[in-house]
Amino acid sequence: DRIVMLSEKLLELLREYVKQYKPKVYLFEGQNGGKYSVRSIQQIFNNAVKKVKIRKKVSVHTLRHSFASHLLDNGTDIRLIQELLGHKHLSTTQIYTHINPVSVKKIKSPFDSF
């Protein structure tokens, strides 16, 4: 199992979605009902990437990396990120979290506090 916090904004959008589409079993159901296949999810993602003109090579799994990196950028402790991602080893979490150069520039030298 993985843990993801659900934003109030997203919760409201999901409530509107449920009212409109009235899913039966799964929140997001395929055209004939039932769950989406992995291939269908990949295709939907790839279509969205093309639509917004992302030129980097990305995949659905990239969202997991982005989630971890954004948490780190926003000051979340890496041990908490490790728990959220369900990693046994911190070294795995470190692979997922990419350091943002903008965040690095914001770091103050300890010397400046004297």
PDB file of N, CA and C in Angstrom:
ATOM      1  N   ASP A   1       0.834  -1.188   0.000  1.00  0.00           N
ATOM      2  CA  ASP A   1       0.000   0.000   0.000  1.00  0.00           C
ATOM      3  C   ASP A   1       0.871   1.241   0.000  1.00  0.00           C
ATOM      4  N   ARG A   2       0.377   2.290  -0.630  1.00  0.00           N
ATOM      5  CA  ARG A   2       1.063   3.567  -0.647  1.00  0.00           C
ATOM      6  C   ARG A   2       0.133   4.617  -0.052  1.00  0.00           C
ATOM      7  N   ILE A   3       0.723   5.630   0.528  1.00  0.00           N
ATOM      8  CA  ILE A   3      -0.051   6.704   1.150  1.00  0.00           C
ATOM      9  C   ILE A   3       0.133   7.967   0.324  1.00  0.00           C
ATOM     10  N   VAL A   4      -0.972   8.617   0.010  1.00  0.00           N
ATOM     11  CA  VAL A   4      -0.928   9.892  -0.710  1.00  0.00           C
ATOM     12  C   VAL A   4      -1.937  10.803  -0.048  1.00  0.00           C
ATOM     13  N   MET A   5      -1.505  12.012   0.264  1.00  0.00           N
ATOM     14  CA  MET A   5      -2.443  12.960   0.839  1.00  0.00           C
ATOM     15  C   MET A   5      -3.368  13.460  -0.275  1.00  0.00           C
ATOM     16  N   LEU A   6      -4.629  13.654   0.076  1.00  0.00           N
ATOM     17  CA  LEU A   6      -5.630  14.088  -0.885  1.00  0.00           C
ATOM     18  C   LEU A   6      -5.960  15.546  -0.598  1.00  0.00           C
ATOM     19  N   SER A   7      -5.662  16.390  -1.572  1.00  0.00           N
ATOM     20  CA  SER A   7      -5.912  17.819  -1.373  1.00  0.00           C
ATOM     21  C   SER A   7      -7.413  18.104  -1.394  1.00  0.00           C
ATOM     22  N   GLU A   8      -7.801  19.143  -0.706  1.00  0.00           N
ATOM     23  CA  GLU A   8      -9.207  19.553  -0.689  1.00  0.00           C
ATOM     24  C   GLU A   8      -9.687  19.898  -2.098  1.00  0.00           C
ATOM     25  N   LYS A   9      -8.811  20.542  -2.890  1.00  0.00           N
ATOM     26  CA  LYS A   9      -9.179  20.906  -4.263  1.00  0.00           C
ATOM     27  C   LYS A   9      -9.461  19.658  -5.095  1.00  0.00           C
ATOM     28  N   LEU A  10      -8.579  18.667  -4.980  1.00  0.00           N
ATOM     29  CA  LEU A  10      -8.772  17.431  -5.733  1.00  0.00           C
ATOM     30  C   LEU A  10     -10.007  16.683  -5.255  1.00  0.00           C
ATOM     31  N   LEU A  11     -10.246  16.678  -3.961  1.00  0.00           N
ATOM     32  CA  LEU A  11     -11.422  16.007  -3.417  1.00  0.00           C
ATOM     33  C   LEU A  11     -12.699  16.603  -4.005  1.00  0.00           C
ATOM     34  N   GLU A  12     -12.751  17.913  -4.116  1.00  0.00           N
ATOM     35  CA  GLU A  12     -13.925  18.570  -4.692  1.00  0.00           C
ATOM     36  C   GLU A  12     -14.097  18.180  -6.167  1.00  0.00           C
ATOM     37  N   LEU A  13     -12.994  18.150  -6.919  1.00  0.00           N
ATOM     38  CA  LEU A  13     -13.069  17.734  -8.327  1.00  0.00           C
ATOM     39  C   LEU A  13     -13.542  16.284  -8.454  1.00  0.00           C
ATOM     40  N   LEU A  14     -13.058  15.426  -7.573  1.00  0.00           N
ATOM     41  CA  LEU A  14     -13.471  14.016  -7.601  1.00  0.00           C
ATOM     42  C   LEU A  14     -14.953  13.867  -7.269  1.00  0.00           C
ATOM     43  N   ARG A  15     -15.433  14.664  -6.345  1.00  0.00           N
ATOM     44  CA  ARG A  15     -16.863  14.621  -6.002  1.00  0.00           C
ATOM     45  C   ARG A  15     -17.724  15.033  -7.203  1.00  0.00           C
ATOM     46  N   GLU A  16     -17.289  16.066  -7.912  1.00  0.00           N
ATOM     47  CA  GLU A  16     -18.007  16.497  -9.117  1.00  0.00           C
ATOM     48  C   GLU A  16     -17.970  15.404 -10.179  1.00  0.00           C
ATOM     49  N   TYR A  17     -16.816  14.767 -10.334  1.00  0.00           N
ATOM     50  CA  TYR A  17     -16.651  13.688 -11.299  1.00  0.00           C
ATOM     51  C   TYR A  17     -17.613  12.538 -10.982  1.00  0.00           C
ATOM     52  N   VAL A  18     -17.684  12.139  -9.715  1.00  0.00           N
ATOM     53  CA  VAL A  18     -18.558  11.037  -9.302  1.00  0.00           C
ATOM     54  C   VAL A  18     -20.021  11.380  -9.572  1.00  0.00           C
ATOM     55  N   LYS A  19     -20.416  12.626  -9.296  1.00  0.00           N
ATOM     56  CA  LYS A  19     -21.797  13.039  -9.570  1.00  0.00           C
ATOM     57  C   LYS A  19     -22.123  12.939 -11.055  1.00  0.00           C
ATOM     58  N   GLN A  20     -21.181  13.343 -11.883  1.00  0.00           N
ATOM     59  CA  GLN A  20     -21.420  13.363 -13.324  1.00  0.00           C
ATOM     60  C   GLN A  20     -21.369  11.973 -13.946  1.00  0.00           C
ATOM     61  N   TYR A  21     -20.356  11.186 -13.613  1.00  0.00           N
ATOM     62  CA  TYR A  21     -20.149   9.906 -14.298  1.00  0.00           C
ATOM     63  C   TYR A  21     -20.699   8.687 -13.554  1.00  0.00           C
ATOM     64  N   LYS A  22     -20.996   8.824 -12.276  1.00  0.00           N
ATOM     65  CA  LYS A  22     -21.576   7.759 -11.466  1.00  0.00           C
ATOM     66  C   LYS A  22     -20.881   6.400 -11.665  1.00  0.00           C
ATOM     67  N   PRO A  23     -19.586   6.326 -11.343  1.00  0.00           N
ATOM     68  CA  PRO A  23     -18.882   5.047 -11.507  1.00  0.00           C
ATOM     69  C   PRO A  23     -19.509   3.965 -10.638  1.00  0.00           C
ATOM     70  N   LYS A  24     -19.485   2.736 -11.140  1.00  0.00           N
ATOM     71  CA  LYS A  24     -20.141   1.615 -10.448  1.00  0.00           C
ATOM     72  C   LYS A  24     -19.209   0.916  -9.456  1.00  0.00           C
ATOM     73  N   VAL A  25     -18.019   0.534  -9.901  1.00  0.00           N
ATOM     74  CA  VAL A  25     -17.099  -0.223  -9.044  1.00  0.00           C
ATOM     75  C   VAL A  25     -15.811   0.557  -8.810  1.00  0.00           C
ATOM     76  N   TYR A  26     -15.192   0.979  -9.895  1.00  0.00           N
ATOM     77  CA  TYR A  26     -13.920   1.703  -9.814  1.00  0.00           C
ATOM     78  C   TYR A  26     -14.181   3.192  -9.983  1.00  0.00           C
ATOM     79  N   LEU A  27     -13.375   4.010  -9.347  1.00  0.00           N
ATOM     80  CA  LEU A  27     -13.539   5.456  -9.484  1.00  0.00           C
ATOM     81  C   LEU A  27     -13.407   5.870 -10.945  1.00  0.00           C
ATOM     82  N   PHE A  28     -12.382   5.337 -11.621  1.00  0.00           N
ATOM     83  CA  PHE A  28     -12.184   5.614 -13.042  1.00  0.00           C
ATOM     84  C   PHE A  28     -12.369   4.295 -13.785  1.00  0.00           C
ATOM     85  N   GLU A  29     -13.434   4.210 -14.566  1.00  0.00           N
ATOM     86  CA  GLU A  29     -13.747   2.971 -15.262  1.00  0.00           C
ATOM     87  C   GLU A  29     -13.519   3.135 -16.759  1.00  0.00           C
ATOM     88  N   GLY A  30     -13.139   2.031 -17.385  1.00  0.00           N
ATOM     89  CA  GLY A  30     -12.918   2.025 -18.835  1.00  0.00           C
ATOM     90  C   GLY A  30     -14.234   2.201 -19.584  1.00  0.00           C
ATOM     91  N   GLN A  31     -14.141   2.247 -20.901  1.00  0.00           N
ATOM     92  CA  GLN A  31     -15.328   2.476 -21.732  1.00  0.00           C
ATOM     93  C   GLN A  31     -16.417   1.430 -21.509  1.00  0.00           C
ATOM     94  N   ASN A  32     -16.031   0.198 -21.266  1.00  0.00           N
ATOM     95  CA  ASN A  32     -16.998  -0.877 -21.054  1.00  0.00           C
ATOM     96  C   ASN A  32     -17.172  -1.207 -19.578  1.00  0.00           C
ATOM     97  N   GLY A  33     -16.869  -0.258 -18.714  1.00  0.00           N
ATOM     98  CA  GLY A  33     -16.889  -0.518 -17.285  1.00  0.00           C
ATOM     99  C   GLY A  33     -15.624  -1.264 -16.901  1.00  0.00           C
ATOM    100  N   GLY A  34     -15.487  -1.588 -15.657  1.00  0.00           N
ATOM    101  CA  GLY A  34     -14.291  -2.295 -15.220  1.00  0.00           C
ATOM    102  C   GLY A  34     -13.095  -1.378 -15.124  1.00  0.00           C
ATOM    103  N   LYS A  35     -11.996  -1.967 -14.679  1.00  0.00           N
ATOM    104  CA  LYS A  35     -10.808  -1.146 -14.473  1.00  0.00           C
ATOM    105  C   LYS A  35     -10.045  -0.928 -15.782  1.00  0.00           C
ATOM    106  N   TYR A  36      -9.278   0.156 -15.786  1.00  0.00           N
ATOM    107  CA  TYR A  36      -8.422   0.451 -16.920  1.00  0.00           C
ATOM    108  C   TYR A  36      -7.257  -0.530 -16.943  1.00  0.00           C
ATOM    109  N   SER A  37      -6.832  -0.887 -18.131  1.00  0.00           N
ATOM    110  CA  SER A  37      -5.633  -1.712 -18.256  1.00  0.00           C
ATOM    111  C   SER A  37      -4.411  -0.810 -18.107  1.00  0.00           C
ATOM    112  N   VAL A  38      -3.271  -1.416 -17.802  1.00  0.00           N
ATOM    113  CA  VAL A  38      -2.024  -0.656 -17.691  1.00  0.00           C
ATOM    114  C   VAL A  38      -1.756   0.061 -19.010  1.00  0.00           C
ATOM    115  N   ARG A  39      -1.970  -0.618 -20.105  1.00  0.00           N
ATOM    116  CA  ARG A  39      -1.731  -0.030 -21.432  1.00  0.00           C
ATOM    117  C   ARG A  39      -2.630   1.192 -21.663  1.00  0.00           C
ATOM    118  N   SER A  40      -3.899   1.108 -21.255  1.00  0.00           N
ATOM    119  CA  SER A  40      -4.817   2.245 -21.422  1.00  0.00           C
ATOM    120  C   SER A  40      -4.352   3.449 -20.616  1.00  0.00           C
ATOM    121  N   ILE A  41      -3.906   3.207 -19.392  1.00  0.00           N
ATOM    122  CA  ILE A  41      -3.413   4.302 -18.551  1.00  0.00           C
ATOM    123  C   ILE A  41      -2.186   4.937 -19.190  1.00  0.00           C
ATOM    124  N   GLN A  42      -1.286   4.108 -19.716  1.00  0.00           N
ATOM    125  CA  GLN A  42      -0.097   4.638 -20.384  1.00  0.00           C
ATOM    126  C   GLN A  42      -0.494   5.487 -21.592  1.00  0.00           C
ATOM    127  N   GLN A  43      -1.465   5.032 -22.362  1.00  0.00           N
ATOM    128  CA  GLN A  43      -1.894   5.768 -23.550  1.00  0.00           C
ATOM    129  C   GLN A  43      -2.541   7.099 -23.180  1.00  0.00           C
ATOM    130  N   ILE A  44      -3.377   7.097 -22.150  1.00  0.00           N
ATOM    131  CA  ILE A  44      -4.000   8.344 -21.680  1.00  0.00           C
ATOM    132  C   ILE A  44      -2.922   9.325 -21.238  1.00  0.00           C
ATOM    133  N   PHE A  45      -1.948   8.825 -20.487  1.00  0.00           N
ATOM    134  CA  PHE A  45      -0.848   9.663 -20.012  1.00  0.00           C
ATOM    135  C   PHE A  45      -0.060  10.225 -21.196  1.00  0.00           C
ATOM    136  N   ASN A  46       0.293   9.370 -22.147  1.00  0.00           N
ATOM    137  CA  ASN A  46       1.067   9.816 -23.317  1.00  0.00           C
ATOM    138  C   ASN A  46       0.309  10.861 -24.127  1.00  0.00           C
ATOM    139  N   ASN A  47      -0.999  10.703 -24.262  1.00  0.00           N
ATOM    140  CA  ASN A  47      -1.804  11.696 -24.974  1.00  0.00           C
ATOM    141  C   ASN A  47      -1.788  13.043 -24.238  1.00  0.00           C
ATOM    142  N   ALA A  48      -1.862  13.003 -22.912  1.00  0.00           N
ATOM    143  CA  ALA A  48      -1.813  14.237 -22.122  1.00  0.00           C
ATOM    144  C   ALA A  48      -0.450  14.911 -22.257  1.00  0.00           C
ATOM    145  N   VAL A  49       0.617  14.121 -22.259  1.00  0.00           N
ATOM    146  CA  VAL A  49       1.973  14.659 -22.411  1.00  0.00           C
ATOM    147  C   VAL A  49       2.109  15.365 -23.759  1.00  0.00           C
ATOM    148  N   LYS A  50       1.593  14.755 -24.808  1.00  0.00           N
ATOM    149  CA  LYS A  50       1.638  15.379 -26.146  1.00  0.00           C
ATOM    150  C   LYS A  50       0.818  16.658 -26.181  1.00  0.00           C
ATOM    151  N   LYS A  51      -0.357  16.613 -25.556  1.00  0.00           N
ATOM    152  CA  LYS A  51      -1.267  17.767 -25.568  1.00  0.00           C
ATOM    153  C   LYS A  51      -0.637  18.995 -24.923  1.00  0.00           C
ATOM    154  N   VAL A  52       0.092  18.802 -23.828  1.00  0.00           N
ATOM    155  CA  VAL A  52       0.707  19.943 -23.143  1.00  0.00           C
ATOM    156  C   VAL A  52       2.144  20.185 -23.605  1.00  0.00           C
ATOM    157  N   LYS A  53       2.558  19.428 -24.624  1.00  0.00           N
ATOM    158  CA  LYS A  53       3.850  19.631 -25.296  1.00  0.00           C
ATOM    159  C   LYS A  53       5.055  19.462 -24.372  1.00  0.00           C
ATOM    160  N   ILE A  54       5.023  18.426 -23.542  1.00  0.00           N
ATOM    161  CA  ILE A  54       6.201  18.089 -22.741  1.00  0.00           C
ATOM    162  C   ILE A  54       7.166  17.360 -23.649  1.00  0.00           C
ATOM    163  N   ARG A  55       8.390  17.844 -23.718  1.00  0.00           N
ATOM    164  CA  ARG A  55       9.365  17.270 -24.644  1.00  0.00           C
ATOM    165  C   ARG A  55      10.305  16.272 -23.976  1.00  0.00           C
ATOM    166  N   LYS A  56      10.365  16.291 -22.648  1.00  0.00           N
ATOM    167  CA  LYS A  56      11.206  15.336 -21.926  1.00  0.00           C
ATOM    168  C   LYS A  56      10.598  13.946 -22.025  1.00  0.00           C
ATOM    169  N   LYS A  57      11.448  12.940 -21.906  1.00  0.00           N
ATOM    170  CA  LYS A  57      10.953  11.570 -21.868  1.00  0.00           C
ATOM    171  C   LYS A  57      10.355  11.329 -20.478  1.00  0.00           C
ATOM    172  N   VAL A  58       9.057  11.086 -20.417  1.00  0.00           N
ATOM    173  CA  VAL A  58       8.364  10.874 -19.150  1.00  0.00           C
ATOM    174  C   VAL A  58       7.458   9.647 -19.265  1.00  0.00           C
ATOM    175  N   SER A  59       7.107   9.112 -18.118  1.00  0.00           N
ATOM    176  CA  SER A  59       6.195   7.970 -18.063  1.00  0.00           C
ATOM    177  C   SER A  59       5.262   8.166 -16.874  1.00  0.00           C
ATOM    178  N   VAL A  60       4.303   7.281 -16.733  1.00  0.00           N
ATOM    179  CA  VAL A  60       3.402   7.347 -15.583  1.00  0.00           C
ATOM    180  C   VAL A  60       4.226   7.276 -14.293  1.00  0.00           C
ATOM    181  N   HIS A  61       5.271   6.484 -14.306  1.00  0.00           N
ATOM    182  CA  HIS A  61       6.130   6.342 -13.132  1.00  0.00           C
ATOM    183  C   HIS A  61       6.833   7.655 -12.772  1.00  0.00           C
ATOM    184  N   THR A  62       7.025   8.528 -13.758  1.00  0.00           N
ATOM    185  CA  THR A  62       7.635   9.837 -13.516  1.00  0.00           C
ATOM    186  C   THR A  62       6.816  10.632 -12.494  1.00  0.00           C
ATOM    187  N   LEU A  63       5.516  10.398 -12.452  1.00  0.00           N
ATOM    188  CA  LEU A  63       4.663  11.098 -11.487  1.00  0.00           C
ATOM    189  C   LEU A  63       5.074  10.776 -10.059  1.00  0.00           C
ATOM    190  N   ARG A  64       5.486   9.553  -9.828  1.00  0.00           N
ATOM    191  CA  ARG A  64       5.945   9.132  -8.498  1.00  0.00           C
ATOM    192  C   ARG A  64       7.220   9.876  -8.119  1.00  0.00           C
ATOM    193  N   HIS A  65       8.140   9.987  -9.075  1.00  0.00           N
ATOM    194  CA  HIS A  65       9.381  10.733  -8.831  1.00  0.00           C
ATOM    195  C   HIS A  65       9.073  12.207  -8.563  1.00  0.00           C
ATOM    196  N   SER A  66       8.179  12.772  -9.355  1.00  0.00           N
ATOM    197  CA  SER A  66       7.818  14.180  -9.191  1.00  0.00           C
ATOM    198  C   SER A  66       7.178  14.432  -7.831  1.00  0.00           C
ATOM    199  N   PHE A  67       6.297  13.535  -7.432  1.00  0.00           N
ATOM    200  CA  PHE A  67       5.644  13.641  -6.128  1.00  0.00           C
ATOM    201  C   PHE A  67       6.691  13.718  -5.021  1.00  0.00           C
ATOM    202  N   ALA A  68       7.652  12.801  -5.058  1.00  0.00           N
ATOM    203  CA  ALA A  68       8.702  12.761  -4.037  1.00  0.00           C
ATOM    204  C   ALA A  68       9.558  14.020  -4.077  1.00  0.00           C
ATOM    205  N   SER A  69       9.935  14.450  -5.268  1.00  0.00           N
ATOM    206  CA  SER A  69      10.786  15.637  -5.396  1.00  0.00           C
ATOM    207  C   SER A  69      10.085  16.892  -4.922  1.00  0.00           C
ATOM    208  N   HIS A  70       8.791  17.022  -5.237  1.00  0.00           N
ATOM    209  CA  HIS A  70       8.038  18.199  -4.788  1.00  0.00           C
ATOM    210  C   HIS A  70       7.880  18.209  -3.274  1.00  0.00           C
ATOM    211  N   LEU A  71       7.665  17.035  -2.694  1.00  0.00           N
ATOM    212  CA  LEU A  71       7.603  16.978  -1.235  1.00  0.00           C
ATOM    213  C   LEU A  71       8.917  17.452  -0.624  1.00  0.00           C
ATOM    214  N   LEU A  72      10.030  16.984  -1.174  1.00  0.00           N
ATOM    215  CA  LEU A  72      11.340  17.380  -0.674  1.00  0.00           C
ATOM    216  C   LEU A  72      11.541  18.890  -0.836  1.00  0.00           C
ATOM    217  N   ASP A  73      11.185  19.426  -1.998  1.00  0.00           N
ATOM    218  CA  ASP A  73      11.311  20.874  -2.253  1.00  0.00           C
ATOM    219  C   ASP A  73      10.502  21.702  -1.268  1.00  0.00           C
ATOM    220  N   ASN A  74       9.376  21.141  -0.822  1.00  0.00           N
ATOM    221  CA  ASN A  74       8.503  21.862   0.108  1.00  0.00           C
ATOM    222  C   ASN A  74       8.863  21.631   1.569  1.00  0.00           C
ATOM    223  N   GLY A  75      10.029  21.000   1.789  1.00  0.00           N
ATOM    224  CA  GLY A  75      10.537  20.875   3.147  1.00  0.00           C
ATOM    225  C   GLY A  75      10.120  19.617   3.895  1.00  0.00           C
ATOM    226  N   THR A  76       9.502  18.666   3.213  1.00  0.00           N
ATOM    227  CA  THR A  76       9.117  17.420   3.875  1.00  0.00           C
ATOM    228  C   THR A  76      10.366  16.605   4.191  1.00  0.00           C
ATOM    229  N   ASP A  77      10.449  16.103   5.404  1.00  0.00           N
ATOM    230  CA  ASP A  77      11.592  15.289   5.824  1.00  0.00           C
ATOM    231  C   ASP A  77      11.685  14.042   4.946  1.00  0.00           C
ATOM    232  N   ILE A  78      12.887  13.705   4.538  1.00  0.00           N
ATOM    233  CA  ILE A  78      13.083  12.578   3.627  1.00  0.00           C
ATOM    234  C   ILE A  78      12.631  11.250   4.233  1.00  0.00           C
ATOM    235  N   ARG A  79      12.680  11.136   5.562  1.00  0.00           N
ATOM    236  CA  ARG A  79      12.186   9.913   6.211  1.00  0.00           C
ATOM    237  C   ARG A  79      10.669   9.786   6.053  1.00  0.00           C
ATOM    238  N   LEU A  80       9.959  10.911   6.101  1.00  0.00           N
ATOM    239  CA  LEU A  80       8.514  10.882   5.858  1.00  0.00           C
ATOM    240  C   LEU A  80       8.221  10.504   4.414  1.00  0.00           C
ATOM    241  N   ILE A  81       9.008  11.039   3.500  1.00  0.00           N
ATOM    242  CA  ILE A  81       8.846  10.694   2.083  1.00  0.00           C
ATOM    243  C   ILE A  81       9.081   9.200   1.888  1.00  0.00           C
ATOM    244  N   GLN A  82      10.084   8.675   2.570  1.00  0.00           N
ATOM    245  CA  GLN A  82      10.369   7.243   2.496  1.00  0.00           C
ATOM    246  C   GLN A  82       9.133   6.429   2.908  1.00  0.00           C
ATOM    247  N   GLU A  83       8.496   6.830   3.987  1.00  0.00           N
ATOM    248  CA  GLU A  83       7.298   6.134   4.463  1.00  0.00           C
ATOM    249  C   GLU A  83       6.150   6.255   3.463  1.00  0.00           C
ATOM    250  N   LEU A  84       5.944   7.466   2.942  1.00  0.00           N
ATOM    251  CA  LEU A  84       4.868   7.679   1.977  1.00  0.00           C
ATOM    252  C   LEU A  84       5.051   6.815   0.735  1.00  0.00           C
ATOM    253  N   LEU A  85       6.297   6.673   0.286  1.00  0.00           N
ATOM    254  CA  LEU A  85       6.564   5.889  -0.919  1.00  0.00           C
ATOM    255  C   LEU A  85       6.625   4.391  -0.635  1.00  0.00           C
ATOM    256  N   GLY A  86       6.677   4.027   0.638  1.00  0.00           N
ATOM    257  CA  GLY A  86       6.714   2.623   0.993  1.00  0.00           C
ATOM    258  C   GLY A  86       8.060   1.967   0.769  1.00  0.00           C
ATOM    259  N   HIS A  87       9.124   2.751   0.830  1.00  0.00           N
ATOM    260  CA  HIS A  87      10.465   2.215   0.618  1.00  0.00           C
ATOM    261  C   HIS A  87      11.028   1.625   1.904  1.00  0.00           C
ATOM    262  N   LYS A  88      11.675   0.490   1.776  1.00  0.00           N
ATOM    263  CA  LYS A  88      12.330  -0.143   2.920  1.00  0.00           C
ATOM    264  C   LYS A  88      13.630   0.587   3.255  1.00  0.00           C
ATOM    265  N   HIS A  89      14.342   1.019   2.220  1.00  0.00           N
ATOM    266  CA  HIS A  89      15.651   1.642   2.408  1.00  0.00           C
ATOM    267  C   HIS A  89      15.623   3.112   1.978  1.00  0.00           C
ATOM    268  N   LEU A  90      16.246   3.950   2.768  1.00  0.00           N
ATOM    269  CA  LEU A  90      16.328   5.378   2.458  1.00  0.00           C
ATOM    270  C   LEU A  90      17.050   5.616   1.135  1.00  0.00           C
ATOM    271  N   SER A  91      18.004   4.757   0.807  1.00  0.00           N
ATOM    272  CA  SER A  91      18.754   4.920  -0.445  1.00  0.00           C
ATOM    273  C   SER A  91      17.825   4.847  -1.664  1.00  0.00           C
ATOM    274  N   THR A  92      16.767   4.056  -1.577  1.00  0.00           N
ATOM    275  CA  THR A  92      15.800   3.987  -2.675  1.00  0.00           C
ATOM    276  C   THR A  92      15.063   5.311  -2.801  1.00  0.00           C
ATOM    277  N   THR A  93      14.681   5.886  -1.678  1.00  0.00           N
ATOM    278  CA  THR A  93      13.985   7.174  -1.679  1.00  0.00           C
ATOM    279  C   THR A  93      14.873   8.253  -2.280  1.00  0.00           C
ATOM    280  N   GLN A  94      16.163   8.195  -1.994  1.00  0.00           N
ATOM    281  CA  GLN A  94      17.090   9.190  -2.528  1.00  0.00           C
ATOM    282  C   GLN A  94      17.162   9.129  -4.048  1.00  0.00           C
ATOM    283  N   ILE A  95      16.942   7.964  -4.620  1.00  0.00           N
ATOM    284  CA  ILE A  95      16.903   7.842  -6.082  1.00  0.00           C
ATOM    285  C   ILE A  95      15.688   8.585  -6.628  1.00  0.00           C
ATOM    286  N   TYR A  96      14.580   8.524  -5.903  1.00  0.00           N
ATOM    287  CA  TYR A  96      13.340   9.150  -6.346  1.00  0.00           C
ATOM    288  C   TYR A  96      13.341  10.661  -6.193  1.00  0.00           C
ATOM    289  N   THR A  97      14.032  11.169  -5.211  1.00  0.00           N
ATOM    290  CA  THR A  97      14.004  12.609  -4.939  1.00  0.00           C
ATOM    291  C   THR A  97      15.160  13.292  -5.648  1.00  0.00           C
ATOM    292  N   HIS A  98      14.811  14.191  -6.529  1.00  0.00           N
ATOM    293  CA  HIS A  98      15.806  14.932  -7.288  1.00  0.00           C
ATOM    294  C   HIS A  98      15.949  16.329  -6.692  1.00  0.00           C
ATOM    295  N   ILE A  99      17.162  16.759  -6.551  1.00  0.00           N
ATOM    296  CA  ILE A  99      17.437  18.070  -5.966  1.00  0.00           C
ATOM    297  C   ILE A  99      17.143  19.154  -6.997  1.00  0.00           C
ATOM    298  N   ASN A 100      16.355  20.118  -6.595  1.00  0.00           N
ATOM    299  CA  ASN A 100      15.996  21.245  -7.449  1.00  0.00           C
ATOM    300  C   ASN A 100      17.063  22.329  -7.305  1.00  0.00           C
ATOM    301  N   PRO A 101      17.690  22.747  -8.415  1.00  0.00           N
ATOM    302  CA  PRO A 101      18.729  23.791  -8.342  1.00  0.00           C
ATOM    303  C   PRO A 101      18.242  25.095  -7.704  1.00  0.00           C
ATOM    304  N   VAL A 102      16.978  25.419  -7.883  1.00  0.00           N
ATOM    305  CA  VAL A 102      16.413  26.630  -7.273  1.00  0.00           C
ATOM    306  C   VAL A 102      16.410  26.482  -5.754  1.00  0.00           C
ATOM    307  N   SER A 103      16.076  25.296  -5.267  1.00  0.00           N
ATOM    308  CA  SER A 103      16.080  25.047  -3.821  1.00  0.00           C
ATOM    309  C   SER A 103      17.485  25.153  -3.250  1.00  0.00           C
ATOM    310  N   VAL A 104      18.448  24.688  -3.988  1.00  0.00           N
ATOM    311  CA  VAL A 104      19.846  24.749  -3.539  1.00  0.00           C
ATOM    312  C   VAL A 104      20.281  26.201  -3.375  1.00  0.00           C
ATOM    313  N   LYS A 105      19.867  27.057  -4.290  1.00  0.00           N
ATOM    314  CA  LYS A 105      20.250  28.476  -4.215  1.00  0.00           C
ATOM    315  C   LYS A 105      19.644  29.176  -2.999  1.00  0.00           C
ATOM    316  N   LYS A 106      18.543  28.644  -2.461  1.00  0.00           N
ATOM    317  CA  LYS A 106      17.885  29.248  -1.304  1.00  0.00           C
ATOM    318  C   LYS A 106      18.550  28.880   0.023  1.00  0.00           C
ATOM    319  N   ILE A 107      19.445  27.922  -0.006  1.00  0.00           N
ATOM    320  CA  ILE A 107      20.090  27.482   1.227  1.00  0.00           C
ATOM    321  C   ILE A 107      21.030  28.574   1.734  1.00  0.00           C
ATOM    322  N   LYS A 108      20.891  28.915   2.982  1.00  0.00           N
ATOM    323  CA  LYS A 108      21.742  29.925   3.608  1.00  0.00           C
ATOM    324  C   LYS A 108      22.962  29.261   4.227  1.00  0.00           C
ATOM    325  N   SER A 109      24.068  29.927   4.114  1.00  0.00           N
ATOM    326  CA  SER A 109      25.291  29.412   4.742  1.00  0.00           C
ATOM    327  C   SER A 109      25.166  29.527   6.247  1.00  0.00           C
ATOM    328  N   PRO A 110      25.575  28.483   6.971  1.00  0.00           N
ATOM    329  CA  PRO A 110      25.557  28.575   8.447  1.00  0.00           C
ATOM    330  C   PRO A 110      26.415  29.739   8.955  1.00  0.00           C
ATOM    331  N   PHE A 111      27.397  30.132   8.185  1.00  0.00           N
ATOM    332  CA  PHE A 111      28.273  31.251   8.548  1.00  0.00           C
ATOM    333  C   PHE A 111      27.495  32.551   8.645  1.00  0.00           C
ATOM    334  N   ASP A 112      26.433  32.683   7.837  1.00  0.00           N
ATOM    335  CA  ASP A 112      25.629  33.902   7.843  1.00  0.00           C
ATOM    336  C   ASP A 112      24.824  34.097   9.123  1.00  0.00           C
ATOM    337  N   SER A 113      24.686  33.065   9.941  1.00  0.00           N
ATOM    338  CA  SER A 113      23.889  33.198  11.160  1.00  0.00           C
ATOM    339  C   SER A 113      24.721  33.721  12.338  1.00  0.00           C
ATOM    340  N   PHE A 114      25.987  34.007  12.110  1.00  0.00           N
ATOM    341  CA  PHE A 114      26.854  34.539  13.190  1.00  0.00           C
ATOM    342  C   PHE A 114      26.831  36.048  13.183  1.00  0.00           C
TER     343      PHE A 114
END
